[in-house]
Amino acid sequence: MKENKLNLERIAHNYLNPPSFHKIDVKIQLNDLEKIYKYVKGPNILEMGYGDGHWTRKNIECFGKSNIVDASETLSKFVESEYGNKVKYYELTNDN
């Protein structure tokens, strides 16, 4: 189980520090987000993982808040420092 947690934190680190070639992916993701978002009904949105944060930023822009379920301590700390009380973060643990 500890190996899974370490792998998850490594992935979280990569989300927060993407390689330079990731820029084209971001362009595509943001374009797709704009197409999909017109179908989102808020204001109570539950994100299944923070990921790269595109959905979180869009939810806050449109509804002033978001809710995230994630298992990464790294992302939990980042979300708290970046968004404060605009995001309710539910951190999954082995106890959940």
PDB file of N, CA and C in Angstrom:
ATOM      1  N   MET A   1       0.819  -1.191   0.000  1.00  0.00           N
ATOM      2  CA  MET A   1       0.000   0.000   0.000  1.00  0.00           C
ATOM      3  C   MET A   1       0.864   1.256   0.000  1.00  0.00           C
ATOM      4  N   LYS A   2       1.977   1.199   0.714  1.00  0.00           N
ATOM      5  CA  LYS A   2       2.872   2.354   0.779  1.00  0.00           C
ATOM      6  C   LYS A   2       3.431   2.673  -0.610  1.00  0.00           C
ATOM      7  N   GLU A   3       3.703   1.638  -1.399  1.00  0.00           N
ATOM      8  CA  GLU A   3       4.211   1.839  -2.760  1.00  0.00           C
ATOM      9  C   GLU A   3       3.182   2.587  -3.615  1.00  0.00           C
ATOM     10  N   ASN A   4       1.906   2.254  -3.461  1.00  0.00           N
ATOM     11  CA  ASN A   4       0.843   2.953  -4.191  1.00  0.00           C
ATOM     12  C   ASN A   4       0.797   4.431  -3.815  1.00  0.00           C
ATOM     13  N   LYS A   5       0.933   4.708  -2.529  1.00  0.00           N
ATOM     14  CA  LYS A   5       0.909   6.100  -2.057  1.00  0.00           C
ATOM     15  C   LYS A   5       2.092   6.886  -2.630  1.00  0.00           C
ATOM     16  N   LEU A   6       3.273   6.263  -2.640  1.00  0.00           N
ATOM     17  CA  LEU A   6       4.455   6.928  -3.207  1.00  0.00           C
ATOM     18  C   LEU A   6       4.264   7.200  -4.698  1.00  0.00           C
ATOM     19  N   ASN A   7       3.683   6.253  -5.396  1.00  0.00           N
ATOM     20  CA  ASN A   7       3.421   6.431  -6.821  1.00  0.00           C
ATOM     21  C   ASN A   7       2.418   7.564  -7.047  1.00  0.00           C
ATOM     22  N   LEU A   8       1.388   7.593  -6.233  1.00  0.00           N
ATOM     23  CA  LEU A   8       0.394   8.667  -6.320  1.00  0.00           C
ATOM     24  C   LEU A   8       1.031  10.037  -6.097  1.00  0.00           C
ATOM     25  N   GLU A   9       1.890  10.153  -5.114  1.00  0.00           N
ATOM     26  CA  GLU A   9       2.541  11.433  -4.836  1.00  0.00           C
ATOM     27  C   GLU A   9       3.487  11.828  -5.970  1.00  0.00           C
ATOM     28  N   ARG A  10       4.107  10.855  -6.611  1.00  0.00           N
ATOM     29  CA  ARG A  10       4.962  11.148  -7.767  1.00  0.00           C
ATOM     30  C   ARG A  10       4.121  11.709  -8.918  1.00  0.00           C
ATOM     31  N   ILE A  11       2.981  11.109  -9.143  1.00  0.00           N
ATOM     32  CA  ILE A  11       2.069  11.590 -10.184  1.00  0.00           C
ATOM     33  C   ILE A  11       1.591  13.000  -9.849  1.00  0.00           C
ATOM     34  N   ALA A  12       1.258  13.243  -8.577  1.00  0.00           N
ATOM     35  CA  ALA A  12       0.828  14.585  -8.142  1.00  0.00           C
ATOM     36  C   ALA A  12       1.921  15.606  -8.414  1.00  0.00           C
ATOM     37  N   HIS A  13       3.148  15.248  -8.112  1.00  0.00           N
ATOM     38  CA  HIS A  13       4.280  16.147  -8.368  1.00  0.00           C
ATOM     39  C   HIS A  13       4.346  16.493  -9.863  1.00  0.00           C
ATOM     40  N   ASN A  14       4.122  15.506 -10.729  1.00  0.00           N
ATOM     41  CA  ASN A  14       4.158  15.749 -12.170  1.00  0.00           C
ATOM     42  C   ASN A  14       3.026  16.663 -12.629  1.00  0.00           C
ATOM     43  N   TYR A  15       1.867  16.570 -11.979  1.00  0.00           N
ATOM     44  CA  TYR A  15       0.777  17.496 -12.302  1.00  0.00           C
ATOM     45  C   TYR A  15       1.159  18.928 -11.944  1.00  0.00           C
ATOM     46  N   LEU A  16       1.805  19.093 -10.812  1.00  0.00           N
ATOM     47  CA  LEU A  16       2.164  20.442 -10.355  1.00  0.00           C
ATOM     48  C   LEU A  16       3.398  20.999 -11.056  1.00  0.00           C
ATOM     49  N   ASN A  17       4.208  20.127 -11.643  1.00  0.00           N
ATOM     50  CA  ASN A  17       5.445  20.530 -12.334  1.00  0.00           C
ATOM     51  C   ASN A  17       5.515  19.838 -13.689  1.00  0.00           C
ATOM     52  N   PRO A  18       4.605  20.188 -14.602  1.00  0.00           N
ATOM     53  CA  PRO A  18       4.554  19.477 -15.882  1.00  0.00           C
ATOM     54  C   PRO A  18       5.774  19.767 -16.760  1.00  0.00           C
ATOM     55  N   PRO A  19       6.165  18.786 -17.563  1.00  0.00           N
ATOM     56  CA  PRO A  19       7.271  19.012 -18.504  1.00  0.00           C
ATOM     57  C   PRO A  19       6.849  20.013 -19.579  1.00  0.00           C
ATOM     58  N   SER A  20       7.820  20.625 -20.221  1.00  0.00           N
ATOM     59  CA  SER A  20       7.532  21.679 -21.195  1.00  0.00           C
ATOM     60  C   SER A  20       6.691  21.183 -22.375  1.00  0.00           C
ATOM     61  N   PHE A  21       6.847  19.922 -22.769  1.00  0.00           N
ATOM     62  CA  PHE A  21       6.068  19.415 -23.897  1.00  0.00           C
ATOM     63  C   PHE A  21       4.587  19.231 -23.551  1.00  0.00           C
ATOM     64  N   HIS A  22       4.232  19.421 -22.299  1.00  0.00           N
ATOM     65  CA  HIS A  22       2.846  19.295 -21.851  1.00  0.00           C
ATOM     66  C   HIS A  22       1.991  20.474 -22.318  1.00  0.00           C
ATOM     67  N   LYS A  23       2.607  21.533 -22.803  1.00  0.00           N
ATOM     68  CA  LYS A  23       1.868  22.740 -23.190  1.00  0.00           C
ATOM     69  C   LYS A  23       0.835  22.472 -24.278  1.00  0.00           C
ATOM     70  N   ILE A  24       1.138  21.620 -25.227  1.00  0.00           N
ATOM     71  CA  ILE A  24       0.169  21.308 -26.282  1.00  0.00           C
ATOM     72  C   ILE A  24      -1.019  20.567 -25.699  1.00  0.00           C
ATOM     73  N   ASP A  25      -0.771  19.672 -24.725  1.00  0.00           N
ATOM     74  CA  ASP A  25      -1.860  18.969 -24.055  1.00  0.00           C
ATOM     75  C   ASP A  25      -2.778  19.956 -23.342  1.00  0.00           C
ATOM     76  N   VAL A  26      -2.199  20.935 -22.693  1.00  0.00           N
ATOM     77  CA  VAL A  26      -2.984  21.936 -21.961  1.00  0.00           C
ATOM     78  C   VAL A  26      -3.899  22.690 -22.917  1.00  0.00           C
ATOM     79  N   LYS A  27      -3.379  23.063 -24.076  1.00  0.00           N
ATOM     80  CA  LYS A  27      -4.184  23.767 -25.072  1.00  0.00           C
ATOM     81  C   LYS A  27      -5.404  22.937 -25.483  1.00  0.00           C
ATOM     82  N   ILE A  28      -5.180  21.676 -25.718  1.00  0.00           N
ATOM     83  CA  ILE A  28      -6.265  20.775 -26.116  1.00  0.00           C
ATOM     84  C   ILE A  28      -7.248  20.591 -24.965  1.00  0.00           C
ATOM     85  N   GLN A  29      -6.729  20.400 -23.756  1.00  0.00           N
ATOM     86  CA  GLN A  29      -7.589  20.203 -22.591  1.00  0.00           C
ATOM     87  C   GLN A  29      -8.479  21.420 -22.345  1.00  0.00           C
ATOM     88  N   LEU A  30      -7.908  22.611 -22.437  1.00  0.00           N
ATOM     89  CA  LEU A  30      -8.694  23.825 -22.207  1.00  0.00           C
ATOM     90  C   LEU A  30      -9.749  24.022 -23.287  1.00  0.00           C
ATOM     91  N   ASN A  31      -9.417  23.683 -24.515  1.00  0.00           N
ATOM     92  CA  ASN A  31     -10.382  23.759 -25.605  1.00  0.00           C
ATOM     93  C   ASN A  31     -11.542  22.793 -25.345  1.00  0.00           C
ATOM     94  N   ASP A  32     -11.215  21.562 -24.958  1.00  0.00           N
ATOM     95  CA  ASP A  32     -12.249  20.577 -24.644  1.00  0.00           C
ATOM     96  C   ASP A  32     -13.093  21.014 -23.452  1.00  0.00           C
ATOM     97  N   LEU A  33     -12.444  21.570 -22.438  1.00  0.00           N
ATOM     98  CA  LEU A  33     -13.155  22.037 -21.247  1.00  0.00           C
ATOM     99  C   LEU A  33     -14.218  23.064 -21.615  1.00  0.00           C
ATOM    100  N   GLU A  34     -13.866  24.010 -22.475  1.00  0.00           N
ATOM    101  CA  GLU A  34     -14.826  25.042 -22.886  1.00  0.00           C
ATOM    102  C   GLU A  34     -16.021  24.426 -23.622  1.00  0.00           C
ATOM    103  N   LYS A  35     -15.772  23.402 -24.427  1.00  0.00           N
ATOM    104  CA  LYS A  35     -16.864  22.744 -25.151  1.00  0.00           C
ATOM    105  C   LYS A  35     -17.778  21.980 -24.207  1.00  0.00           C
ATOM    106  N   ILE A  36     -17.198  21.327 -23.219  1.00  0.00           N
ATOM    107  CA  ILE A  36     -17.953  20.482 -22.293  1.00  0.00           C
ATOM    108  C   ILE A  36     -18.653  21.306 -21.221  1.00  0.00           C
ATOM    109  N   TYR A  37     -18.044  22.397 -20.786  1.00  0.00           N
ATOM    110  CA  TYR A  37     -18.509  23.101 -19.592  1.00  0.00           C
ATOM    111  C   TYR A  37     -19.916  23.683 -19.725  1.00  0.00           C
ATOM    112  N   LYS A  38     -20.366  23.912 -20.936  1.00  0.00           N
ATOM    113  CA  LYS A  38     -21.718  24.457 -21.107  1.00  0.00           C
ATOM    114  C   LYS A  38     -22.788  23.493 -20.599  1.00  0.00           C
ATOM    115  N   TYR A  39     -22.429  22.234 -20.396  1.00  0.00           N
ATOM    116  CA  TYR A  39     -23.371  21.232 -19.887  1.00  0.00           C
ATOM    117  C   TYR A  39     -23.287  21.065 -18.364  1.00  0.00           C
ATOM    118  N   VAL A  40     -22.361  21.746 -17.722  1.00  0.00           N
ATOM    119  CA  VAL A  40     -22.180  21.633 -16.271  1.00  0.00           C
ATOM    120  C   VAL A  40     -23.222  22.501 -15.569  1.00  0.00           C
ATOM    121  N   LYS A  41     -23.877  21.912 -14.614  1.00  0.00           N
ATOM    122  CA  LYS A  41     -24.871  22.635 -13.813  1.00  0.00           C
ATOM    123  C   LYS A  41     -24.325  22.751 -12.394  1.00  0.00           C
ATOM    124  N   GLY A  42     -24.134  23.967 -11.931  1.00  0.00           N
ATOM    125  CA  GLY A  42     -23.599  24.187 -10.590  1.00  0.00           C
ATOM    126  C   GLY A  42     -24.687  24.642  -9.667  1.00  0.00           C
ATOM    127  N   PRO A  43     -24.360  25.102  -8.536  1.00  0.00           N
ATOM    128  CA  PRO A  43     -23.013  25.449  -8.105  1.00  0.00           C
ATOM    129  C   PRO A  43     -22.273  24.332  -7.361  1.00  0.00           C
ATOM    130  N   ASN A  44     -22.946  23.225  -7.047  1.00  0.00           N
ATOM    131  CA  ASN A  44     -22.288  22.176  -6.259  1.00  0.00           C
ATOM    132  C   ASN A  44     -21.669  21.130  -7.176  1.00  0.00           C
ATOM    133  N   ILE A  45     -20.386  21.291  -7.420  1.00  0.00           N
ATOM    134  CA  ILE A  45     -19.639  20.409  -8.313  1.00  0.00           C
ATOM    135  C   ILE A  45     -18.696  19.554  -7.476  1.00  0.00           C
ATOM    136  N   LEU A  46     -18.629  18.256  -7.768  1.00  0.00           N
ATOM    137  CA  LEU A  46     -17.681  17.368  -7.113  1.00  0.00           C
ATOM    138  C   LEU A  46     -16.693  16.868  -8.157  1.00  0.00           C
ATOM    139  N   GLU A  47     -15.432  17.231  -7.974  1.00  0.00           N
ATOM    140  CA  GLU A  47     -14.370  16.777  -8.870  1.00  0.00           C
ATOM    141  C   GLU A  47     -13.779  15.489  -8.325  1.00  0.00           C
ATOM    142  N   MET A  48     -13.577  14.536  -9.192  1.00  0.00           N
ATOM    143  CA  MET A  48     -12.953  13.279  -8.806  1.00  0.00           C
ATOM    144  C   MET A  48     -11.452  13.395  -9.075  1.00  0.00           C
ATOM    145  N   GLY A  49     -10.769  14.098  -8.192  1.00  0.00           N
ATOM    146  CA  GLY A  49      -9.329  14.336  -8.324  1.00  0.00           C
ATOM    147  C   GLY A  49      -9.058  15.740  -8.827  1.00  0.00           C
ATOM    148  N   TYR A  50      -7.998  16.340  -8.305  1.00  0.00           N
ATOM    149  CA  TYR A  50      -7.607  17.694  -8.716  1.00  0.00           C
ATOM    150  C   TYR A  50      -6.957  17.687 -10.099  1.00  0.00           C
ATOM    151  N   GLY A  51      -6.111  16.697 -10.346  1.00  0.00           N
ATOM    152  CA  GLY A  51      -5.428  16.627 -11.641  1.00  0.00           C
ATOM    153  C   GLY A  51      -4.606  17.859 -11.912  1.00  0.00           C
ATOM    154  N   ASP A  52      -4.819  18.459 -13.066  1.00  0.00           N
ATOM    155  CA  ASP A  52      -4.043  19.635 -13.459  1.00  0.00           C
ATOM    156  C   ASP A  52      -4.725  20.945 -13.064  1.00  0.00           C
ATOM    157  N   GLY A  53      -5.899  20.864 -12.449  1.00  0.00           N
ATOM    158  CA  GLY A  53      -6.544  22.053 -11.910  1.00  0.00           C
ATOM    159  C   GLY A  53      -7.438  22.831 -12.862  1.00  0.00           C
ATOM    160  N   HIS A  54      -7.542  22.412 -14.110  1.00  0.00           N
ATOM    161  CA  HIS A  54      -8.353  23.163 -15.066  1.00  0.00           C
ATOM    162  C   HIS A  54      -9.815  23.235 -14.628  1.00  0.00           C
ATOM    163  N   TRP A  55     -10.358  22.115 -14.187  1.00  0.00           N
ATOM    164  CA  TRP A  55     -11.764  22.088 -13.764  1.00  0.00           C
ATOM    165  C   TRP A  55     -11.956  22.926 -12.507  1.00  0.00           C
ATOM    166  N   THR A  56     -11.019  22.841 -11.601  1.00  0.00           N
ATOM    167  CA  THR A  56     -11.127  23.611 -10.357  1.00  0.00           C
ATOM    168  C   THR A  56     -11.183  25.102 -10.654  1.00  0.00           C
ATOM    169  N   ARG A  57     -10.262  25.579 -11.475  1.00  0.00           N
ATOM    170  CA  ARG A  57     -10.244  27.000 -11.821  1.00  0.00           C
ATOM    171  C   ARG A  57     -11.547  27.419 -12.509  1.00  0.00           C
ATOM    172  N   LYS A  58     -12.046  26.585 -13.405  1.00  0.00           N
ATOM    173  CA  LYS A  58     -13.287  26.909 -14.120  1.00  0.00           C
ATOM    174  C   LYS A  58     -14.476  26.911 -13.167  1.00  0.00           C
ATOM    175  N   ASN A  59     -14.529  25.936 -12.255  1.00  0.00           N
ATOM    176  CA  ASN A  59     -15.622  25.900 -11.280  1.00  0.00           C
ATOM    177  C   ASN A  59     -15.620  27.151 -10.404  1.00  0.00           C
ATOM    178  N   ILE A  60     -14.451  27.556  -9.965  1.00  0.00           N
ATOM    179  CA  ILE A  60     -14.342  28.757  -9.129  1.00  0.00           C
ATOM    180  C   ILE A  60     -14.728  29.995  -9.941  1.00  0.00           C
ATOM    181  N   GLU A  61     -14.287  30.059 -11.165  1.00  0.00           N
ATOM    182  CA  GLU A  61     -14.637  31.196 -12.031  1.00  0.00           C
ATOM    183  C   GLU A  61     -16.154  31.297 -12.214  1.00  0.00           C
ATOM    184  N   CYS A  62     -16.825  30.181 -12.416  1.00  0.00           N
ATOM    185  CA  CYS A  62     -18.261  30.195 -12.704  1.00  0.00           C
ATOM    186  C   CYS A  62     -19.148  30.178 -11.464  1.00  0.00           C
ATOM    187  N   PHE A  63     -18.709  29.477 -10.409  1.00  0.00           N
ATOM    188  CA  PHE A  63     -19.571  29.276  -9.246  1.00  0.00           C
ATOM    189  C   PHE A  63     -18.969  29.746  -7.927  1.00  0.00           C
ATOM    190  N   GLY A  64     -17.716  30.181  -7.977  1.00  0.00           N
ATOM    191  CA  GLY A  64     -17.077  30.690  -6.770  1.00  0.00           C
ATOM    192  C   GLY A  64     -16.544  29.630  -5.826  1.00  0.00           C
ATOM    193  N   LYS A  65     -16.693  28.351  -6.221  1.00  0.00           N
ATOM    194  CA  LYS A  65     -16.242  27.274  -5.343  1.00  0.00           C
ATOM    195  C   LYS A  65     -16.162  25.965  -6.108  1.00  0.00           C
ATOM    196  N   SER A  66     -15.545  24.961  -5.452  1.00  0.00           N
ATOM    197  CA  SER A  66     -15.524  23.601  -5.980  1.00  0.00           C
ATOM    198  C   SER A  66     -15.296  22.634  -4.827  1.00  0.00           C
ATOM    199  N   ASN A  67     -15.550  21.370  -5.076  1.00  0.00           N
ATOM    200  CA  ASN A  67     -15.328  20.290  -4.115  1.00  0.00           C
ATOM    201  C   ASN A  67     -14.488  19.223  -4.805  1.00  0.00           C
ATOM    202  N   ILE A  68     -13.469  18.733  -4.105  1.00  0.00           N
ATOM    203  CA  ILE A  68     -12.559  17.769  -4.710  1.00  0.00           C
ATOM    204  C   ILE A  68     -12.380  16.566  -3.790  1.00  0.00           C
ATOM    205  N   VAL A  69     -12.444  15.376  -4.374  1.00  0.00           N
ATOM    206  CA  VAL A  69     -12.074  14.145  -3.683  1.00  0.00           C
ATOM    207  C   VAL A  69     -10.768  13.685  -4.310  1.00  0.00           C
ATOM    208  N   ASP A  70      -9.742  13.493  -3.483  1.00  0.00           N
ATOM    209  CA  ASP A  70      -8.434  13.070  -3.984  1.00  0.00           C
ATOM    210  C   ASP A  70      -7.702  12.333  -2.874  1.00  0.00           C
ATOM    211  N   ALA A  71      -6.668  11.603  -3.226  1.00  0.00           N
ATOM    212  CA  ALA A  71      -5.912  10.839  -2.228  1.00  0.00           C
ATOM    213  C   ALA A  71      -4.490  11.356  -2.050  1.00  0.00           C
ATOM    214  N   SER A  72      -4.148  12.441  -2.702  1.00  0.00           N
ATOM    215  CA  SER A  72      -2.784  12.954  -2.646  1.00  0.00           C
ATOM    216  C   SER A  72      -2.613  14.024  -1.581  1.00  0.00           C
ATOM    217  N   GLU A  73      -1.706  13.776  -0.668  1.00  0.00           N
ATOM    218  CA  GLU A  73      -1.381  14.781   0.353  1.00  0.00           C
ATOM    219  C   GLU A  73      -0.726  16.001  -0.293  1.00  0.00           C
ATOM    220  N   THR A  74       0.092  15.770  -1.307  1.00  0.00           N
ATOM    221  CA  THR A  74       0.756  16.856  -2.031  1.00  0.00           C
ATOM    222  C   THR A  74      -0.268  17.797  -2.644  1.00  0.00           C
ATOM    223  N   LEU A  75      -1.255  17.231  -3.340  1.00  0.00           N
ATOM    224  CA  LEU A  75      -2.275  18.063  -3.967  1.00  0.00           C
ATOM    225  C   LEU A  75      -3.173  18.716  -2.934  1.00  0.00           C
ATOM    226  N   SER A  76      -3.427  18.028  -1.841  1.00  0.00           N
ATOM    227  CA  SER A  76      -4.232  18.605  -0.756  1.00  0.00           C
ATOM    228  C   SER A  76      -3.599  19.891  -0.242  1.00  0.00           C
ATOM    229  N   LYS A  77      -2.310  19.841   0.021  1.00  0.00           N
ATOM    230  CA  LYS A  77      -1.597  21.026   0.519  1.00  0.00           C
ATOM    231  C   LYS A  77      -1.585  22.137  -0.530  1.00  0.00           C
ATOM    232  N   PHE A  78      -1.379  21.764  -1.780  1.00  0.00           N
ATOM    233  CA  PHE A  78      -1.354  22.758  -2.848  1.00  0.00           C
ATOM    234  C   PHE A  78      -2.713  23.435  -2.992  1.00  0.00           C
ATOM    235  N   VAL A  79      -3.776  22.632  -3.037  1.00  0.00           N
ATOM    236  CA  VAL A  79      -5.131  23.171  -3.196  1.00  0.00           C
ATOM    237  C   VAL A  79      -5.462  24.123  -2.053  1.00  0.00           C
ATOM    238  N   GLU A  80      -5.114  23.733  -0.836  1.00  0.00           N
ATOM    239  CA  GLU A  80      -5.391  24.591   0.315  1.00  0.00           C
ATOM    240  C   GLU A  80      -4.658  25.924   0.210  1.00  0.00           C
ATOM    241  N   SER A  81      -3.385  25.881  -0.184  1.00  0.00           N
ATOM    242  CA  SER A  81      -2.614  27.129  -0.277  1.00  0.00           C
ATOM    243  C   SER A  81      -3.035  27.975  -1.482  1.00  0.00           C
ATOM    244  N   GLU A  82      -3.458  27.339  -2.551  1.00  0.00           N
ATOM    245  CA  GLU A  82      -3.807  28.046  -3.782  1.00  0.00           C
ATOM    246  C   GLU A  82      -5.223  28.652  -3.746  1.00  0.00           C
ATOM    247  N   TYR A  83      -6.170  27.928  -3.158  1.00  0.00           N
ATOM    248  CA  TYR A  83      -7.569  28.333  -3.260  1.00  0.00           C
ATOM    249  C   TYR A  83      -8.238  28.641  -1.923  1.00  0.00           C
ATOM    250  N   GLY A  84      -7.605  28.278  -0.821  1.00  0.00           N
ATOM    251  CA  GLY A  84      -8.191  28.560   0.493  1.00  0.00           C
ATOM    252  C   GLY A  84      -9.579  27.980   0.640  1.00  0.00           C
ATOM    253  N   ASN A  85     -10.514  28.807   1.106  1.00  0.00           N
ATOM    254  CA  ASN A  85     -11.858  28.307   1.383  1.00  0.00           C
ATOM    255  C   ASN A  85     -12.766  28.235   0.146  1.00  0.00           C
ATOM    256  N   LYS A  86     -12.227  28.500  -1.021  1.00  0.00           N
ATOM    257  CA  LYS A  86     -13.022  28.362  -2.243  1.00  0.00           C
ATOM    258  C   LYS A  86     -13.171  26.892  -2.644  1.00  0.00           C
ATOM    259  N   VAL A  87     -12.334  26.038  -2.059  1.00  0.00           N
ATOM    260  CA  VAL A  87     -12.378  24.617  -2.377  1.00  0.00           C
ATOM    261  C   VAL A  87     -12.506  23.805  -1.096  1.00  0.00           C
ATOM    262  N   LYS A  88     -13.451  22.887  -1.108  1.00  0.00           N
ATOM    263  CA  LYS A  88     -13.561  21.901  -0.039  1.00  0.00           C
ATOM    264  C   LYS A  88     -12.880  20.645  -0.561  1.00  0.00           C
ATOM    265  N   TYR A  89     -11.829  20.230   0.143  1.00  0.00           N
ATOM    266  CA  TYR A  89     -11.001  19.112  -0.314  1.00  0.00           C
ATOM    267  C   TYR A  89     -11.229  17.923   0.606  1.00  0.00           C
ATOM    268  N   TYR A  90     -11.636  16.817   0.029  1.00  0.00           N
ATOM    269  CA  TYR A  90     -11.848  15.580   0.783  1.00  0.00           C
ATOM    270  C   TYR A  90     -10.706  14.633   0.445  1.00  0.00           C
ATOM    271  N   GLU A  91      -9.786  14.473   1.383  1.00  0.00           N
ATOM    272  CA  GLU A  91      -8.616  13.633   1.138  1.00  0.00           C
ATOM    273  C   GLU A  91      -8.924  12.190   1.515  1.00  0.00           C
ATOM    274  N   LEU A  92      -8.803  11.304   0.541  1.00  0.00           N
ATOM    275  CA  LEU A  92      -8.987   9.886   0.793  1.00  0.00           C
ATOM    276  C   LEU A  92      -7.749   9.342   1.484  1.00  0.00           C
ATOM    277  N   THR A  93      -7.955   8.506   2.449  1.00  0.00           N
ATOM    278  CA  THR A  93      -6.841   7.833   3.134  1.00  0.00           C
ATOM    279  C   THR A  93      -7.142   6.343   3.173  1.00  0.00           C
ATOM    280  N   ASN A  94      -6.216   5.593   3.704  1.00  0.00           N
ATOM    281  CA  ASN A  94      -6.439   4.150   3.843  1.00  0.00           C
ATOM    282  C   ASN A  94      -7.618   3.863   4.773  1.00  0.00           C
ATOM    283  N   ASP A  95      -7.952   4.833   5.622  1.00  0.00           N
ATOM    284  CA  ASP A  95      -9.040   4.663   6.584  1.00  0.00           C
ATOM    285  C   ASP A  95     -10.404   4.870   5.956  1.00  0.00           C
ATOM    286  N   ASN A  96     -10.471   5.537   4.782  1.00  0.00           N
ATOM    287  CA  ASN A  96     -11.757   5.847   4.149  1.00  0.00           C
ATOM    288  C   ASN A  96     -12.307   4.650   3.423  1.00  0.00           C
TER     289      ASN A  96
END
